[in-house]
Amino acid sequence: MLKKIDNNRILSINSAREQYPKSKILFLITDMSDMPDIQGTVFMVSEDNTSFNELCDENDKLKEQGKRTIIIGSYENGGGIGVQYELQQ
């Protein structure tokens, strides 16, 4: 499920990961002056891999508007953190 977050609170990437565990997060970057501590706002959250493609589509739309974005987080469903994979049956 993809959720739009209407909170404009600025936080670090690490804080966003802690706030939305086991999720992928579309993060709008507001400050990259300190690379280990990038600041921004959470725009959307994907809670499972069924909504990951929608999250990527939203990311593309924002980039077309000139916004700086990054997708962070992990579903933590068996793979390494941050690794995308698909199970074949």
PDB file of N, CA and C in Angstrom:
ATOM      1  N   MET A   1       0.838  -1.176   0.000  1.00  0.00           N
ATOM      2  CA  MET A   1       0.000   0.000   0.000  1.00  0.00           C
ATOM      3  C   MET A   1       0.885   1.242   0.000  1.00  0.00           C
ATOM      4  N   LEU A   2       0.562   2.190  -0.841  1.00  0.00           N
ATOM      5  CA  LEU A   2       1.304   3.440  -0.952  1.00  0.00           C
ATOM      6  C   LEU A   2       0.554   4.529  -0.199  1.00  0.00           C
ATOM      7  N   LYS A   3       1.270   5.215   0.715  1.00  0.00           N
ATOM      8  CA  LYS A   3       0.645   6.275   1.504  1.00  0.00           C
ATOM      9  C   LYS A   3       1.360   7.594   1.264  1.00  0.00           C
ATOM     10  N   LYS A   4       0.586   8.639   0.981  1.00  0.00           N
ATOM     11  CA  LYS A   4       1.153   9.983   0.867  1.00  0.00           C
ATOM     12  C   LYS A   4       1.222  10.575   2.274  1.00  0.00           C
ATOM     13  N   ILE A   5       2.344  11.179   2.589  1.00  0.00           N
ATOM     14  CA  ILE A   5       2.557  11.767   3.908  1.00  0.00           C
ATOM     15  C   ILE A   5       2.451  13.286   3.769  1.00  0.00           C
ATOM     16  N   ASP A   6       1.543  13.881   4.524  1.00  0.00           N
ATOM     17  CA  ASP A   6       1.302  15.324   4.435  1.00  0.00           C
ATOM     18  C   ASP A   6       2.064  16.125   5.490  1.00  0.00           C
ATOM     19  N   ASN A   7       3.012  15.496   6.140  1.00  0.00           N
ATOM     20  CA  ASN A   7       3.805  16.161   7.160  1.00  0.00           C
ATOM     21  C   ASN A   7       5.030  16.777   6.499  1.00  0.00           C
ATOM     22  N   ASN A   8       5.259  18.057   6.661  1.00  0.00           N
ATOM     23  CA  ASN A   8       6.411  18.738   6.068  1.00  0.00           C
ATOM     24  C   ASN A   8       7.566  18.894   7.040  1.00  0.00           C
ATOM     25  N   ARG A   9       7.594  18.074   8.080  1.00  0.00           N
ATOM     26  CA  ARG A   9       8.661  18.151   9.079  1.00  0.00           C
ATOM     27  C   ARG A   9       9.981  17.702   8.474  1.00  0.00           C
ATOM     28  N   ILE A  10      11.015  18.508   8.601  1.00  0.00           N
ATOM     29  CA  ILE A  10      12.334  18.170   8.060  1.00  0.00           C
ATOM     30  C   ILE A  10      13.056  17.266   9.054  1.00  0.00           C
ATOM     31  N   LEU A  11      13.603  16.162   8.509  1.00  0.00           N
ATOM     32  CA  LEU A  11      14.332  15.211   9.324  1.00  0.00           C
ATOM     33  C   LEU A  11      15.445  14.595   8.493  1.00  0.00           C
ATOM     34  N   SER A  12      16.312  13.848   9.141  1.00  0.00           N
ATOM     35  CA  SER A  12      17.417  13.208   8.444  1.00  0.00           C
ATOM     36  C   SER A  12      16.941  11.895   7.815  1.00  0.00           C
ATOM     37  N   ILE A  13      17.728  11.395   6.874  1.00  0.00           N
ATOM     38  CA  ILE A  13      17.404  10.114   6.253  1.00  0.00           C
ATOM     39  C   ILE A  13      17.322   9.016   7.314  1.00  0.00           C
ATOM     40  N   ASN A  14      18.265   9.005   8.256  1.00  0.00           N
ATOM     41  CA  ASN A  14      18.256   7.975   9.308  1.00  0.00           C
ATOM     42  C   ASN A  14      17.004   8.064  10.169  1.00  0.00           C
ATOM     43  N   SER A  15      16.567   9.270  10.484  1.00  0.00           N
ATOM     44  CA  SER A  15      15.340   9.438  11.272  1.00  0.00           C
ATOM     45  C   SER A  15      14.125   8.943  10.498  1.00  0.00           C
ATOM     46  N   ALA A  16      14.094   9.190   9.196  1.00  0.00           N
ATOM     47  CA  ALA A  16      12.987   8.725   8.363  1.00  0.00           C
ATOM     48  C   ALA A  16      12.943   7.198   8.346  1.00  0.00           C
ATOM     49  N   ARG A  17      14.111   6.565   8.217  1.00  0.00           N
ATOM     50  CA  ARG A  17      14.170   5.097   8.237  1.00  0.00           C
ATOM     51  C   ARG A  17      13.652   4.540   9.569  1.00  0.00           C
ATOM     52  N   GLU A  18      14.011   5.196  10.660  1.00  0.00           N
ATOM     53  CA  GLU A  18      13.556   4.751  11.982  1.00  0.00           C
ATOM     54  C   GLU A  18      12.051   4.960  12.144  1.00  0.00           C
ATOM     55  N   GLN A  19      11.534   6.039  11.591  1.00  0.00           N
ATOM     56  CA  GLN A  19      10.114   6.363  11.724  1.00  0.00           C
ATOM     57  C   GLN A  19       9.237   5.411  10.904  1.00  0.00           C
ATOM     58  N   TYR A  20       9.753   4.926   9.774  1.00  0.00           N
ATOM     59  CA  TYR A  20       8.995   4.031   8.890  1.00  0.00           C
ATOM     60  C   TYR A  20       9.801   2.751   8.636  1.00  0.00           C
ATOM     61  N   PRO A  21       9.912   1.884   9.657  1.00  0.00           N
ATOM     62  CA  PRO A  21      10.684   0.648   9.467  1.00  0.00           C
ATOM     63  C   PRO A  21       9.971  -0.305   8.515  1.00  0.00           C
ATOM     64  N   LYS A  22      10.750  -1.163   7.888  1.00  0.00           N
ATOM     65  CA  LYS A  22      10.245  -2.182   6.970  1.00  0.00           C
ATOM     66  C   LYS A  22       9.405  -1.578   5.850  1.00  0.00           C
ATOM     67  N   SER A  23       9.836  -0.424   5.355  1.00  0.00           N
ATOM     68  CA  SER A  23       9.133   0.294   4.292  1.00  0.00           C
ATOM     69  C   SER A  23      10.144   0.949   3.364  1.00  0.00           C
ATOM     70  N   LYS A  24       9.710   1.236   2.141  1.00  0.00           N
ATOM     71  CA  LYS A  24      10.472   2.067   1.222  1.00  0.00           C
ATOM     72  C   LYS A  24       9.874   3.465   1.308  1.00  0.00           C
ATOM     73  N   ILE A  25      10.732   4.472   1.287  1.00  0.00           N
ATOM     74  CA  ILE A  25      10.310   5.852   1.518  1.00  0.00           C
ATOM     75  C   ILE A  25      10.779   6.732   0.363  1.00  0.00           C
ATOM     76  N   LEU A  26       9.864   7.507  -0.188  1.00  0.00           N
ATOM     77  CA  LEU A  26      10.215   8.526  -1.171  1.00  0.00           C
ATOM     78  C   LEU A  26      10.520   9.797  -0.386  1.00  0.00           C
ATOM     79  N   PHE A  27      11.777  10.193  -0.393  1.00  0.00           N
ATOM     80  CA  PHE A  27      12.303  11.260   0.449  1.00  0.00           C
ATOM     81  C   PHE A  27      12.653  12.462  -0.417  1.00  0.00           C
ATOM     82  N   LEU A  28      12.072  13.624  -0.094  1.00  0.00           N
ATOM     83  CA  LEU A  28      12.382  14.878  -0.790  1.00  0.00           C
ATOM     84  C   LEU A  28      13.548  15.557  -0.076  1.00  0.00           C
ATOM     85  N   ILE A  29      14.635  15.735  -0.777  1.00  0.00           N
ATOM     86  CA  ILE A  29      15.841  16.299  -0.179  1.00  0.00           C
ATOM     87  C   ILE A  29      15.737  17.821  -0.123  1.00  0.00           C
ATOM     88  N   THR A  30      16.008  18.374   1.070  1.00  0.00           N
ATOM     89  CA  THR A  30      16.020  19.828   1.232  1.00  0.00           C
ATOM     90  C   THR A  30      17.430  20.367   1.469  1.00  0.00           C
ATOM     91  N   ASP A  31      18.332  19.525   2.022  1.00  0.00           N
ATOM     92  CA  ASP A  31      19.685  19.981   2.332  1.00  0.00           C
ATOM     93  C   ASP A  31      20.667  18.817   2.204  1.00  0.00           C
ATOM     94  N   MET A  32      21.630  18.989   1.278  1.00  0.00           N
ATOM     95  CA  MET A  32      22.675  17.980   1.092  1.00  0.00           C
ATOM     96  C   MET A  32      24.051  18.527   1.438  1.00  0.00           C
ATOM     97  N   SER A  33      24.114  19.590   2.227  1.00  0.00           N
ATOM     98  CA  SER A  33      25.399  20.204   2.541  1.00  0.00           C
ATOM     99  C   SER A  33      26.263  19.293   3.420  1.00  0.00           C
ATOM    100  N   ASP A  34      25.641  18.421   4.198  1.00  0.00           N
ATOM    101  CA  ASP A  34      26.359  17.447   5.023  1.00  0.00           C
ATOM    102  C   ASP A  34      25.933  16.058   4.549  1.00  0.00           C
ATOM    103  N   MET A  35      26.708  15.453   3.644  1.00  0.00           N
ATOM    104  CA  MET A  35      26.314  14.205   3.001  1.00  0.00           C
ATOM    105  C   MET A  35      25.990  13.065   3.978  1.00  0.00           C
ATOM    106  N   PRO A  36      26.711  12.900   5.075  1.00  0.00           N
ATOM    107  CA  PRO A  36      26.326  11.820   6.003  1.00  0.00           C
ATOM    108  C   PRO A  36      25.008  12.104   6.743  1.00  0.00           C
ATOM    109  N   ASP A  37      24.540  13.340   6.674  1.00  0.00           N
ATOM    110  CA  ASP A  37      23.332  13.729   7.400  1.00  0.00           C
ATOM    111  C   ASP A  37      22.388  14.504   6.474  1.00  0.00           C
ATOM    112  N   ILE A  38      21.986  13.883   5.359  1.00  0.00           N
ATOM    113  CA  ILE A  38      21.084  14.520   4.400  1.00  0.00           C
ATOM    114  C   ILE A  38      19.736  14.790   5.070  1.00  0.00           C
ATOM    115  N   GLN A  39      19.201  15.983   4.836  1.00  0.00           N
ATOM    116  CA  GLN A  39      17.937  16.411   5.445  1.00  0.00           C
ATOM    117  C   GLN A  39      16.844  16.509   4.380  1.00  0.00           C
ATOM    118  N   GLY A  40      15.599  16.307   4.792  1.00  0.00           N
ATOM    119  CA  GLY A  40      14.485  16.433   3.870  1.00  0.00           C
ATOM    120  C   GLY A  40      13.176  16.036   4.525  1.00  0.00           C
ATOM    121  N   THR A  41      12.177  15.765   3.683  1.00  0.00           N
ATOM    122  CA  THR A  41      10.860  15.385   4.177  1.00  0.00           C
ATOM    123  C   THR A  41      10.419  14.074   3.536  1.00  0.00           C
ATOM    124  N   VAL A  42       9.612  13.340   4.255  1.00  0.00           N
ATOM    125  CA  VAL A  42       9.031  12.105   3.731  1.00  0.00           C
ATOM    126  C   VAL A  42       7.824  12.499   2.873  1.00  0.00           C
ATOM    127  N   PHE A  43       7.806  12.055   1.617  1.00  0.00           N
ATOM    128  CA  PHE A  43       6.708  12.377   0.709  1.00  0.00           C
ATOM    129  C   PHE A  43       5.718  11.223   0.593  1.00  0.00           C
ATOM    130  N   MET A  44       6.244  10.004   0.405  1.00  0.00           N
ATOM    131  CA  MET A  44       5.381   8.822   0.294  1.00  0.00           C
ATOM    132  C   MET A  44       6.067   7.633   0.932  1.00  0.00           C
ATOM    133  N   VAL A  45       5.237   6.680   1.378  1.00  0.00           N
ATOM    134  CA  VAL A  45       5.749   5.463   1.993  1.00  0.00           C
ATOM    135  C   VAL A  45       5.086   4.259   1.329  1.00  0.00           C
ATOM    136  N   SER A  46       5.919   3.308   0.927  1.00  0.00           N
ATOM    137  CA  SER A  46       5.455   2.040   0.371  1.00  0.00           C
ATOM    138  C   SER A  46       5.706   0.972   1.435  1.00  0.00           C
ATOM    139  N   GLU A  47       4.627   0.359   1.930  1.00  0.00           N
ATOM    140  CA  GLU A  47       4.765  -0.592   3.029  1.00  0.00           C
ATOM    141  C   GLU A  47       5.055  -2.020   2.583  1.00  0.00           C
ATOM    142  N   ASP A  48       4.872  -2.312   1.286  1.00  0.00           N
ATOM    143  CA  ASP A  48       5.209  -3.639   0.778  1.00  0.00           C
ATOM    144  C   ASP A  48       5.560  -3.549  -0.697  1.00  0.00           C
ATOM    145  N   ASN A  49       6.182  -4.615  -1.208  1.00  0.00           N
ATOM    146  CA  ASN A  49       6.707  -4.548  -2.564  1.00  0.00           C
ATOM    147  C   ASN A  49       5.637  -4.481  -3.648  1.00  0.00           C
ATOM    148  N   THR A  50       4.366  -4.672  -3.324  1.00  0.00           N
ATOM    149  CA  THR A  50       3.315  -4.562  -4.332  1.00  0.00           C
ATOM    150  C   THR A  50       3.110  -3.111  -4.779  1.00  0.00           C
ATOM    151  N   SER A  51       3.535  -2.159  -3.969  1.00  0.00           N
ATOM    152  CA  SER A  51       3.380  -0.743  -4.325  1.00  0.00           C
ATOM    153  C   SER A  51       4.707  -0.081  -4.714  1.00  0.00           C
ATOM    154  N   PHE A  52       5.772  -0.876  -4.831  1.00  0.00           N
ATOM    155  CA  PHE A  52       7.083  -0.310  -5.146  1.00  0.00           C
ATOM    156  C   PHE A  52       7.095   0.381  -6.511  1.00  0.00           C
ATOM    157  N   ASN A  53       6.479  -0.215  -7.517  1.00  0.00           N
ATOM    158  CA  ASN A  53       6.455   0.409  -8.849  1.00  0.00           C
ATOM    159  C   ASN A  53       5.735   1.749  -8.833  1.00  0.00           C
ATOM    160  N   GLU A  54       4.645   1.844  -8.064  1.00  0.00           N
ATOM    161  CA  GLU A  54       3.937   3.125  -7.927  1.00  0.00           C
ATOM    162  C   GLU A  54       4.842   4.178  -7.282  1.00  0.00           C
ATOM    163  N   LEU A  55       5.612   3.737  -6.287  1.00  0.00           N
ATOM    164  CA  LEU A  55       6.540   4.642  -5.614  1.00  0.00           C
ATOM    165  C   LEU A  55       7.578   5.164  -6.608  1.00  0.00           C
ATOM    166  N   CYS A  56       8.086   4.285  -7.454  1.00  0.00           N
ATOM    167  CA  CYS A  56       9.058   4.693  -8.481  1.00  0.00           C
ATOM    168  C   CYS A  56       8.425   5.661  -9.477  1.00  0.00           C
ATOM    169  N   ASP A  57       7.157   5.426  -9.845  1.00  0.00           N
ATOM    170  CA  ASP A  57       6.455   6.344 -10.748  1.00  0.00           C
ATOM    171  C   ASP A  57       6.338   7.735 -10.132  1.00  0.00           C
ATOM    172  N   GLU A  58       6.012   7.798  -8.846  1.00  0.00           N
ATOM    173  CA  GLU A  58       5.910   9.087  -8.147  1.00  0.00           C
ATOM    174  C   GLU A  58       7.275   9.771  -8.096  1.00  0.00           C
ATOM    175  N   ASN A  59       8.315   8.982  -7.885  1.00  0.00           N
ATOM    176  CA  ASN A  59       9.675   9.510  -7.874  1.00  0.00           C
ATOM    177  C   ASN A  59      10.011  10.142  -9.222  1.00  0.00           C
ATOM    178  N   ASP A  60       9.671   9.456 -10.302  1.00  0.00           N
ATOM    179  CA  ASP A  60       9.932   9.985 -11.651  1.00  0.00           C
ATOM    180  C   ASP A  60       9.189  11.302 -11.884  1.00  0.00           C
ATOM    181  N   LYS A  61       7.937  11.380 -11.432  1.00  0.00           N
ATOM    182  CA  LYS A  61       7.152  12.612 -11.603  1.00  0.00           C
ATOM    183  C   LYS A  61       7.807  13.791 -10.880  1.00  0.00           C
ATOM    184  N   LEU A  62       8.275  13.542  -9.661  1.00  0.00           N
ATOM    185  CA  LEU A  62       8.919  14.612  -8.894  1.00  0.00           C
ATOM    186  C   LEU A  62      10.223  15.048  -9.539  1.00  0.00           C
ATOM    187  N   LYS A  63      10.985  14.101 -10.046  1.00  0.00           N
ATOM    188  CA  LYS A  63      12.246  14.449 -10.709  1.00  0.00           C
ATOM    189  C   LYS A  63      11.995  15.272 -11.964  1.00  0.00           C
ATOM    190  N   GLU A  64      10.916  14.966 -12.697  1.00  0.00           N
ATOM    191  CA  GLU A  64      10.557  15.759 -13.879  1.00  0.00           C
ATOM    192  C   GLU A  64      10.222  17.198 -13.503  1.00  0.00           C
ATOM    193  N   GLN A  65       9.740  17.407 -12.265  1.00  0.00           N
ATOM    194  CA  GLN A  65       9.424  18.749 -11.772  1.00  0.00           C
ATOM    195  C   GLN A  65      10.666  19.455 -11.220  1.00  0.00           C
ATOM    196  N   GLY A  66      11.814  18.796 -11.276  1.00  0.00           N
ATOM    197  CA  GLY A  66      13.053  19.394 -10.799  1.00  0.00           C
ATOM    198  C   GLY A  66      13.329  19.188  -9.326  1.00  0.00           C
ATOM    199  N   LYS A  67      12.587  18.326  -8.668  1.00  0.00           N
ATOM    200  CA  LYS A  67      12.788  18.060  -7.232  1.00  0.00           C
ATOM    201  C   LYS A  67      13.942  17.075  -7.054  1.00  0.00           C
ATOM    202  N   ARG A  68      14.667  17.222  -5.959  1.00  0.00           N
ATOM    203  CA  ARG A  68      15.723  16.269  -5.604  1.00  0.00           C
ATOM    204  C   ARG A  68      15.106  15.209  -4.697  1.00  0.00           C
ATOM    205  N   THR A  69      15.186  13.962  -5.112  1.00  0.00           N
ATOM    206  CA  THR A  69      14.556  12.880  -4.362  1.00  0.00           C
ATOM    207  C   THR A  69      15.503  11.699  -4.229  1.00  0.00           C
ATOM    208  N   ILE A  70      15.158  10.828  -3.298  1.00  0.00           N
ATOM    209  CA  ILE A  70      15.860   9.561  -3.138  1.00  0.00           C
ATOM    210  C   ILE A  70      14.863   8.569  -2.539  1.00  0.00           C
ATOM    211  N   ILE A  71      14.971   7.322  -2.948  1.00  0.00           N
ATOM    212  CA  ILE A  71      14.160   6.268  -2.337  1.00  0.00           C
ATOM    213  C   ILE A  71      15.054   5.565  -1.328  1.00  0.00           C
ATOM    214  N   ILE A  72      14.584   5.517  -0.085  1.00  0.00           N
ATOM    215  CA  ILE A  72      15.371   4.930   1.002  1.00  0.00           C
ATOM    216  C   ILE A  72      14.557   3.850   1.691  1.00  0.00           C
ATOM    217  N   GLY A  73      15.213   3.110   2.565  1.00  0.00           N
ATOM    218  CA  GLY A  73      14.536   2.111   3.371  1.00  0.00           C
ATOM    219  C   GLY A  73      14.579   0.732   2.753  1.00  0.00           C
ATOM    220  N   SER A  74      13.965  -0.207   3.463  1.00  0.00           N
ATOM    221  CA  SER A  74      13.947  -1.600   3.035  1.00  0.00           C
ATOM    222  C   SER A  74      12.709  -2.282   3.591  1.00  0.00           C
ATOM    223  N   TYR A  75      12.160  -3.197   2.801  1.00  0.00           N
ATOM    224  CA  TYR A  75      11.036  -3.999   3.290  1.00  0.00           C
ATOM    225  C   TYR A  75      11.517  -5.063   4.275  1.00  0.00           C
ATOM    226  N   GLU A  76      12.807  -5.346   4.259  1.00  0.00           N
ATOM    227  CA  GLU A  76      13.424  -6.331   5.149  1.00  0.00           C
ATOM    228  C   GLU A  76      12.698  -7.667   5.103  1.00  0.00           C
ATOM    229  N   ASN A  77      12.419  -8.126   3.893  1.00  0.00           N
ATOM    230  CA  ASN A  77      11.685  -9.379   3.751  1.00  0.00           C
ATOM    231  C   ASN A  77      12.582 -10.512   3.272  1.00  0.00           C
ATOM    232  N   GLY A  78      13.744 -10.622   3.877  1.00  0.00           N
ATOM    233  CA  GLY A  78      14.606 -11.753   3.593  1.00  0.00           C
ATOM    234  C   GLY A  78      15.879 -11.433   2.844  1.00  0.00           C
ATOM    235  N   GLY A  79      15.955 -10.320   2.154  1.00  0.00           N
ATOM    236  CA  GLY A  79      17.162  -9.960   1.416  1.00  0.00           C
ATOM    237  C   GLY A  79      18.010  -9.006   2.219  1.00  0.00           C
ATOM    238  N   GLY A  80      19.120  -8.618   1.654  1.00  0.00           N
ATOM    239  CA  GLY A  80      19.957  -7.627   2.299  1.00  0.00           C
ATOM    240  C   GLY A  80      19.260  -6.280   2.307  1.00  0.00           C
ATOM    241  N   ILE A  81      19.598  -5.449   3.256  1.00  0.00           N
ATOM    242  CA  ILE A  81      18.966  -4.136   3.371  1.00  0.00           C
ATOM    243  C   ILE A  81      19.256  -3.327   2.114  1.00  0.00           C
ATOM    244  N   GLY A  82      18.204  -2.806   1.500  1.00  0.00           N
ATOM    245  CA  GLY A  82      18.327  -1.971   0.318  1.00  0.00           C
ATOM    246  C   GLY A  82      18.410  -2.736  -0.988  1.00  0.00           C
ATOM    247  N   VAL A  83      18.411  -4.062  -0.936  1.00  0.00           N
ATOM    248  CA  VAL A  83      18.540  -4.876  -2.142  1.00  0.00           C
ATOM    249  C   VAL A  83      17.155  -5.198  -2.697  1.00  0.00           C
ATOM    250  N   GLN A  84      16.990  -4.969  -3.999  1.00  0.00           N
ATOM    251  CA  GLN A  84      15.737  -5.310  -4.660  1.00  0.00           C
ATOM    252  C   GLN A  84      15.897  -6.696  -5.261  1.00  0.00           C
ATOM    253  N   TYR A  85      14.920  -7.528  -5.100  1.00  0.00           N
ATOM    254  CA  TYR A  85      14.945  -8.855  -5.691  1.00  0.00           C
ATOM    255  C   TYR A  85      13.519  -9.340  -5.852  1.00  0.00           C
ATOM    256  N   GLU A  86      13.371 -10.374  -6.640  1.00  0.00           N
ATOM    257  CA  GLU A  86      12.042 -10.942  -6.884  1.00  0.00           C
ATOM    258  C   GLU A  86      12.156 -12.455  -6.821  1.00  0.00           C
ATOM    259  N   LEU A  87      11.221 -13.099  -6.160  1.00  0.00           N
ATOM    260  CA  LEU A  87      11.223 -14.560  -6.071  1.00  0.00           C
ATOM    261  C   LEU A  87      10.492 -15.144  -7.264  1.00  0.00           C
ATOM    262  N   GLN A  88      11.083 -16.125  -7.897  1.00  0.00           N
ATOM    263  CA  GLN A  88      10.477 -16.833  -9.032  1.00  0.00           C
ATOM    264  C   GLN A  88       9.916 -18.156  -8.519  1.00  0.00           C
ATOM    265  N   GLN A  89       8.713 -18.480  -8.946  1.00  0.00           N
ATOM    266  CA  GLN A  89       8.105 -19.762  -8.519  1.00  0.00           C
ATOM    267  C   GLN A  89       8.013 -20.701  -9.665  1.00  0.00           C
TER     268      GLN A  89
END
